[in-house]
Amino acid sequence: MTQTEYNLTVIALKEKLDECLTLIDQLKSHNTKMQKYERVASMRNIEKTLQEKRDQLIASEKRTN
């Protein structure tokens, strides 16, 4: 391998590494967003469950009175 071929190979590898690092950053950002959406969905499910339990308790109170 000549020095020129070596240099071109190093440059090509650096470009591929830069692409990989960019993709990793994008994936991290995407994962962070997805975790946020999952937490929001979980909180909404908890809120819905609590409202249902509250409604059941209110209905139960009305039946006993």
PDB file of N, CA and C in Angstrom:
ATOM      1  N   MET A   1       0.857  -1.177   0.000  1.00  0.00           N
ATOM      2  CA  MET A   1       0.000   0.000   0.000  1.00  0.00           C
ATOM      3  C   MET A   1       0.897   1.231   0.000  1.00  0.00           C
ATOM      4  N   THR A   2       0.631   2.111  -0.903  1.00  0.00           N
ATOM      5  CA  THR A   2       1.425   3.342  -0.986  1.00  0.00           C
ATOM      6  C   THR A   2       0.940   4.322   0.078  1.00  0.00           C
ATOM      7  N   GLN A   3       1.725   5.343   0.289  1.00  0.00           N
ATOM      8  CA  GLN A   3       1.357   6.370   1.266  1.00  0.00           C
ATOM      9  C   GLN A   3       0.044   7.040   0.866  1.00  0.00           C
ATOM     10  N   THR A   4      -0.131   7.286  -0.419  1.00  0.00           N
ATOM     11  CA  THR A   4      -1.364   7.920  -0.905  1.00  0.00           C
ATOM     12  C   THR A   4      -2.570   7.026  -0.646  1.00  0.00           C
ATOM     13  N   GLU A   5      -2.428   5.729  -0.942  1.00  0.00           N
ATOM     14  CA  GLU A   5      -3.526   4.788  -0.688  1.00  0.00           C
ATOM     15  C   GLU A   5      -3.856   4.732   0.803  1.00  0.00           C
ATOM     16  N   TYR A   6      -2.795   4.718   1.613  1.00  0.00           N
ATOM     17  CA  TYR A   6      -2.972   4.703   3.064  1.00  0.00           C
ATOM     18  C   TYR A   6      -3.727   5.952   3.515  1.00  0.00           C
ATOM     19  N   ASN A   7      -3.305   7.110   3.031  1.00  0.00           N
ATOM     20  CA  ASN A   7      -3.953   8.367   3.413  1.00  0.00           C
ATOM     21  C   ASN A   7      -5.423   8.380   3.000  1.00  0.00           C
ATOM     22  N   LEU A   8      -5.710   7.896   1.779  1.00  0.00           N
ATOM     23  CA  LEU A   8      -7.095   7.854   1.310  1.00  0.00           C
ATOM     24  C   LEU A   8      -7.930   6.893   2.153  1.00  0.00           C
ATOM     25  N   THR A   9      -7.324   5.781   2.544  1.00  0.00           N
ATOM     26  CA  THR A   9      -8.025   4.815   3.394  1.00  0.00           C
ATOM     27  C   THR A   9      -8.337   5.429   4.754  1.00  0.00           C
ATOM     28  N   VAL A  10      -7.368   6.118   5.321  1.00  0.00           N
ATOM     29  CA  VAL A  10      -7.570   6.777   6.618  1.00  0.00           C
ATOM     30  C   VAL A  10      -8.677   7.822   6.512  1.00  0.00           C
ATOM     31  N   ILE A  11      -8.673   8.599   5.455  1.00  0.00           N
ATOM     32  CA  ILE A  11      -9.703   9.627   5.250  1.00  0.00           C
ATOM     33  C   ILE A  11     -11.077   8.977   5.114  1.00  0.00           C
ATOM     34  N   ALA A  12     -11.159   7.896   4.338  1.00  0.00           N
ATOM     35  CA  ALA A  12     -12.439   7.200   4.155  1.00  0.00           C
ATOM     36  C   ALA A  12     -12.936   6.633   5.482  1.00  0.00           C
ATOM     37  N   LEU A  13     -12.020   6.056   6.261  1.00  0.00           N
ATOM     38  CA  LEU A  13     -12.410   5.507   7.566  1.00  0.00           C
ATOM     39  C   LEU A  13     -12.879   6.609   8.512  1.00  0.00           C
ATOM     40  N   LYS A  14     -12.194   7.747   8.482  1.00  0.00           N
ATOM     41  CA  LYS A  14     -12.598   8.871   9.330  1.00  0.00           C
ATOM     42  C   LYS A  14     -13.996   9.348   8.947  1.00  0.00           C
ATOM     43  N   GLU A  15     -14.275   9.418   7.646  1.00  0.00           N
ATOM     44  CA  GLU A  15     -15.607   9.837   7.196  1.00  0.00           C
ATOM     45  C   GLU A  15     -16.673   8.856   7.670  1.00  0.00           C
ATOM     46  N   LYS A  16     -16.380   7.557   7.579  1.00  0.00           N
ATOM     47  CA  LYS A  16     -17.338   6.541   8.044  1.00  0.00           C
ATOM     48  C   LYS A  16     -17.543   6.644   9.549  1.00  0.00           C
ATOM     49  N   LEU A  17     -16.457   6.890  10.280  1.00  0.00           N
ATOM     50  CA  LEU A  17     -16.560   7.051  11.725  1.00  0.00           C
ATOM     51  C   LEU A  17     -17.419   8.262  12.062  1.00  0.00           C
ATOM     52  N   ASP A  18     -17.215   9.358  11.354  1.00  0.00           N
ATOM     53  CA  ASP A  18     -18.031  10.556  11.570  1.00  0.00           C
ATOM     54  C   ASP A  18     -19.505  10.268  11.305  1.00  0.00           C
ATOM     55  N   GLU A  19     -19.792   9.501  10.239  1.00  0.00           N
ATOM     56  CA  GLU A  19     -21.179   9.121   9.940  1.00  0.00           C
ATOM     57  C   GLU A  19     -21.765   8.294  11.081  1.00  0.00           C
ATOM     58  N   CYS A  20     -20.974   7.354  11.577  1.00  0.00           N
ATOM     59  CA  CYS A  20     -21.431   6.505  12.684  1.00  0.00           C
ATOM     60  C   CYS A  20     -21.714   7.336  13.933  1.00  0.00           C
ATOM     61  N   LEU A  21     -20.832   8.264  14.239  1.00  0.00           N
ATOM     62  CA  LEU A  21     -21.021   9.110  15.416  1.00  0.00           C
ATOM     63  C   LEU A  21     -22.268   9.977  15.272  1.00  0.00           C
ATOM     64  N   THR A  22     -22.511  10.475  14.070  1.00  0.00           N
ATOM     65  CA  THR A  22     -23.717  11.259  13.812  1.00  0.00           C
ATOM     66  C   THR A  22     -24.958  10.402  14.014  1.00  0.00           C
ATOM     67  N   LEU A  23     -24.928   9.181  13.493  1.00  0.00           N
ATOM     68  CA  LEU A  23     -26.070   8.274  13.659  1.00  0.00           C
ATOM     69  C   LEU A  23     -26.290   7.919  15.129  1.00  0.00           C
ATOM     70  N   ILE A  24     -25.207   7.732  15.872  1.00  0.00           N
ATOM     71  CA  ILE A  24     -25.322   7.441  17.305  1.00  0.00           C
ATOM     72  C   ILE A  24     -25.983   8.612  18.020  1.00  0.00           C
ATOM     73  N   ASP A  25     -25.568   9.838  17.705  1.00  0.00           N
ATOM     74  CA  ASP A  25     -26.179  11.020  18.315  1.00  0.00           C
ATOM     75  C   ASP A  25     -27.664  11.107  17.982  1.00  0.00           C
ATOM     76  N   GLN A  26     -28.019  10.812  16.730  1.00  0.00           N
ATOM     77  CA  GLN A  26     -29.429  10.840  16.333  1.00  0.00           C
ATOM     78  C   GLN A  26     -30.222   9.777  17.082  1.00  0.00           C
ATOM     79  N   LEU A  27     -29.637   8.605  17.253  1.00  0.00           N
ATOM     80  CA  LEU A  27     -30.307   7.521  17.968  1.00  0.00           C
ATOM     81  C   LEU A  27     -30.507   7.885  19.437  1.00  0.00           C
ATOM     82  N   LYS A  28     -29.497   8.491  20.047  1.00  0.00           N
ATOM     83  CA  LYS A  28     -29.630   8.927  21.442  1.00  0.00           C
ATOM     84  C   LYS A  28     -30.761   9.934  21.578  1.00  0.00           C
ATOM     85  N   SER A  29     -30.813  10.883  20.664  1.00  0.00           N
ATOM     86  CA  SER A  29     -31.869  11.896  20.687  1.00  0.00           C
ATOM     87  C   SER A  29     -33.234  11.243  20.522  1.00  0.00           C
ATOM     88  N   HIS A  30     -33.330  10.313  19.587  1.00  0.00           N
ATOM     89  CA  HIS A  30     -34.596   9.605  19.352  1.00  0.00           C
ATOM     90  C   HIS A  30     -35.009   8.821  20.598  1.00  0.00           C
ATOM     91  N   ASN A  31     -34.054   8.122  21.213  1.00  0.00           N
ATOM     92  CA  ASN A  31     -34.357   7.336  22.411  1.00  0.00           C
ATOM     93  C   ASN A  31     -34.821   8.228  23.553  1.00  0.00           C
ATOM     94  N   THR A  32     -34.191   9.390  23.695  1.00  0.00           N
ATOM     95  CA  THR A  32     -34.598  10.330  24.737  1.00  0.00           C
ATOM     96  C   THR A  32     -36.035  10.779  24.514  1.00  0.00           C
ATOM     97  N   LYS A  33     -36.382  11.093  23.260  1.00  0.00           N
ATOM     98  CA  LYS A  33     -37.754  11.500  22.946  1.00  0.00           C
ATOM     99  C   LYS A  33     -38.729  10.368  23.228  1.00  0.00           C
ATOM    100  N   MET A  34     -38.365   9.154  22.836  1.00  0.00           N
ATOM    101  CA  MET A  34     -39.254   8.005  23.040  1.00  0.00           C
ATOM    102  C   MET A  34     -39.472   7.748  24.525  1.00  0.00           C
ATOM    103  N   GLN A  35     -38.423   7.879  25.329  1.00  0.00           N
ATOM    104  CA  GLN A  35     -38.562   7.685  26.771  1.00  0.00           C
ATOM    105  C   GLN A  35     -39.505   8.731  27.348  1.00  0.00           C
ATOM    106  N   LYS A  36     -39.399   9.960  26.854  1.00  0.00           N
ATOM    107  CA  LYS A  36     -40.287  11.021  27.319  1.00  0.00           C
ATOM    108  C   LYS A  36     -41.732  10.684  26.970  1.00  0.00           C
ATOM    109  N   TYR A  37     -41.971  10.255  25.737  1.00  0.00           N
ATOM    110  CA  TYR A  37     -43.330   9.893  25.322  1.00  0.00           C
ATOM    111  C   TYR A  37     -43.851   8.710  26.130  1.00  0.00           C
ATOM    112  N   GLU A  38     -42.980   7.731  26.414  1.00  0.00           N
ATOM    113  CA  GLU A  38     -43.389   6.573  27.206  1.00  0.00           C
ATOM    114  C   GLU A  38     -43.762   6.992  28.628  1.00  0.00           C
ATOM    115  N   ARG A  39     -43.006   7.925  29.206  1.00  0.00           N
ATOM    116  CA  ARG A  39     -43.331   8.406  30.557  1.00  0.00           C
ATOM    117  C   ARG A  39     -44.662   9.132  30.560  1.00  0.00           C
ATOM    118  N   VAL A  40     -44.898   9.950  29.543  1.00  0.00           N
ATOM    119  CA  VAL A  40     -46.169  10.672  29.447  1.00  0.00           C
ATOM    120  C   VAL A  40     -47.314   9.681  29.308  1.00  0.00           C
ATOM    121  N   ALA A  41     -47.146   8.679  28.463  1.00  0.00           N
ATOM    122  CA  ALA A  41     -48.194   7.666  28.279  1.00  0.00           C
ATOM    123  C   ALA A  41     -48.438   6.912  29.578  1.00  0.00           C
ATOM    124  N   SER A  42     -47.382   6.594  30.286  1.00  0.00           N
ATOM    125  CA  SER A  42     -47.513   5.891  31.563  1.00  0.00           C
ATOM    126  C   SER A  42     -48.260   6.752  32.578  1.00  0.00           C
ATOM    127  N   MET A  43     -47.916   8.028  32.627  1.00  0.00           N
ATOM    128  CA  MET A  43     -48.600   8.933  33.558  1.00  0.00           C
ATOM    129  C   MET A  43     -50.079   9.049  33.203  1.00  0.00           C
ATOM    130  N   ARG A  44     -50.393   9.099  31.921  1.00  0.00           N
ATOM    131  CA  ARG A  44     -51.797   9.176  31.502  1.00  0.00           C
ATOM    132  C   ARG A  44     -52.543   7.905  31.889  1.00  0.00           C
ATOM    133  N   ASN A  45     -51.891   6.757  31.740  1.00  0.00           N
ATOM    134  CA  ASN A  45     -52.521   5.498  32.139  1.00  0.00           C
ATOM    135  C   ASN A  45     -52.770   5.462  33.641  1.00  0.00           C
ATOM    136  N   ILE A  46     -51.806   5.940  34.409  1.00  0.00           N
ATOM    137  CA  ILE A  46     -51.971   5.996  35.864  1.00  0.00           C
ATOM    138  C   ILE A  46     -53.118   6.932  36.215  1.00  0.00           C
ATOM    139  N   GLU A  47     -53.148   8.099  35.569  1.00  0.00           N
ATOM    140  CA  GLU A  47     -54.216   9.066  35.819  1.00  0.00           C
ATOM    141  C   GLU A  47     -55.582   8.462  35.489  1.00  0.00           C
ATOM    142  N   LYS A  48     -55.675   7.774  34.368  1.00  0.00           N
ATOM    143  CA  LYS A  48     -56.936   7.147  33.966  1.00  0.00           C
ATOM    144  C   LYS A  48     -57.354   6.090  34.983  1.00  0.00           C
ATOM    145  N   THR A  49     -56.409   5.274  35.426  1.00  0.00           N
ATOM    146  CA  THR A  49     -56.703   4.236  36.416  1.00  0.00           C
ATOM    147  C   THR A  49     -57.187   4.860  37.718  1.00  0.00           C
ATOM    148  N   LEU A  50     -56.533   5.926  38.148  1.00  0.00           N
ATOM    149  CA  LEU A  50     -56.946   6.598  39.385  1.00  0.00           C
ATOM    150  C   LEU A  50     -58.344   7.193  39.251  1.00  0.00           C
ATOM    151  N   GLN A  51     -58.648   7.764  38.104  1.00  0.00           N
ATOM    152  CA  GLN A  51     -59.989   8.311  37.885  1.00  0.00           C
ATOM    153  C   GLN A  51     -61.037   7.205  37.914  1.00  0.00           C
ATOM    154  N   GLU A  52     -60.720   6.060  37.311  1.00  0.00           N
ATOM    155  CA  GLU A  52     -61.652   4.936  37.326  1.00  0.00           C
ATOM    156  C   GLU A  52     -61.880   4.447  38.751  1.00  0.00           C
ATOM    157  N   LYS A  53     -60.816   4.338  39.537  1.00  0.00           N
ATOM    158  CA  LYS A  53     -60.941   3.902  40.937  1.00  0.00           C
ATOM    159  C   LYS A  53     -61.763   4.908  41.733  1.00  0.00           C
ATOM    160  N   ARG A  54     -61.526   6.198  41.492  1.00  0.00           N
ATOM    161  CA  ARG A  54     -62.294   7.235  42.174  1.00  0.00           C
ATOM    162  C   ARG A  54     -63.774   7.107  41.830  1.00  0.00           C
ATOM    163  N   ASP A  55     -64.068   6.932  40.544  1.00  0.00           N
ATOM    164  CA  ASP A  55     -65.454   6.785  40.110  1.00  0.00           C
ATOM    165  C   ASP A  55     -66.099   5.556  40.743  1.00  0.00           C
ATOM    166  N   GLN A  56     -65.338   4.469  40.856  1.00  0.00           N
ATOM    167  CA  GLN A  56     -65.862   3.259  41.494  1.00  0.00           C
ATOM    168  C   GLN A  56     -66.167   3.510  42.965  1.00  0.00           C
ATOM    169  N   LEU A  57     -65.279   4.230  43.637  1.00  0.00           N
ATOM    170  CA  LEU A  57     -65.508   4.537  45.055  1.00  0.00           C
ATOM    171  C   LEU A  57     -66.728   5.430  45.232  1.00  0.00           C
ATOM    172  N   ILE A  58     -66.877   6.411  44.353  1.00  0.00           N
ATOM    173  CA  ILE A  58     -68.039   7.302  44.425  1.00  0.00           C
ATOM    174  C   ILE A  58     -69.314   6.500  44.198  1.00  0.00           C
ATOM    175  N   ALA A  59     -69.305   5.626  43.210  1.00  0.00           N
ATOM    176  CA  ALA A  59     -70.480   4.791  42.929  1.00  0.00           C
ATOM    177  C   ALA A  59     -70.775   3.874  44.104  1.00  0.00           C
ATOM    178  N   SER A  60     -69.748   3.339  44.715  1.00  0.00           N
ATOM    179  CA  SER A  60     -69.922   2.456  45.874  1.00  0.00           C
ATOM    180  C   SER A  60     -70.516   3.225  47.049  1.00  0.00           C
ATOM    181  N   GLU A  61     -70.039   4.447  47.260  1.00  0.00           N
ATOM    182  CA  GLU A  61     -70.572   5.292  48.341  1.00  0.00           C
ATOM    183  C   GLU A  61     -72.050   5.581  48.118  1.00  0.00           C
ATOM    184  N   LYS A  62     -72.418   5.875  46.880  1.00  0.00           N
ATOM    185  CA  LYS A  62     -73.812   6.188  46.574  1.00  0.00           C
ATOM    186  C   LYS A  62     -74.705   4.980  46.827  1.00  0.00           C
ATOM    187  N   ARG A  63     -74.199   3.785  46.524  1.00  0.00           N
ATOM    188  CA  ARG A  63     -74.995   2.577  46.735  1.00  0.00           C
ATOM    189  C   ARG A  63     -75.189   2.287  48.215  1.00  0.00           C
ATOM    190  N   THR A  64     -74.198   2.604  49.037  1.00  0.00           N
ATOM    191  CA  THR A  64     -74.311   2.302  50.466  1.00  0.00           C
ATOM    192  C   THR A  64     -75.139   3.344  51.201  1.00  0.00           C
ATOM    193  N   ASN A  65     -75.324   4.498  50.624  1.00  0.00           N
ATOM    194  CA  ASN A  65     -76.101   5.557  51.306  1.00  0.00           C
ATOM    195  C   ASN A  65     -77.510   5.538  50.915  1.00  0.00           C
TER     196      ASN A  65
END
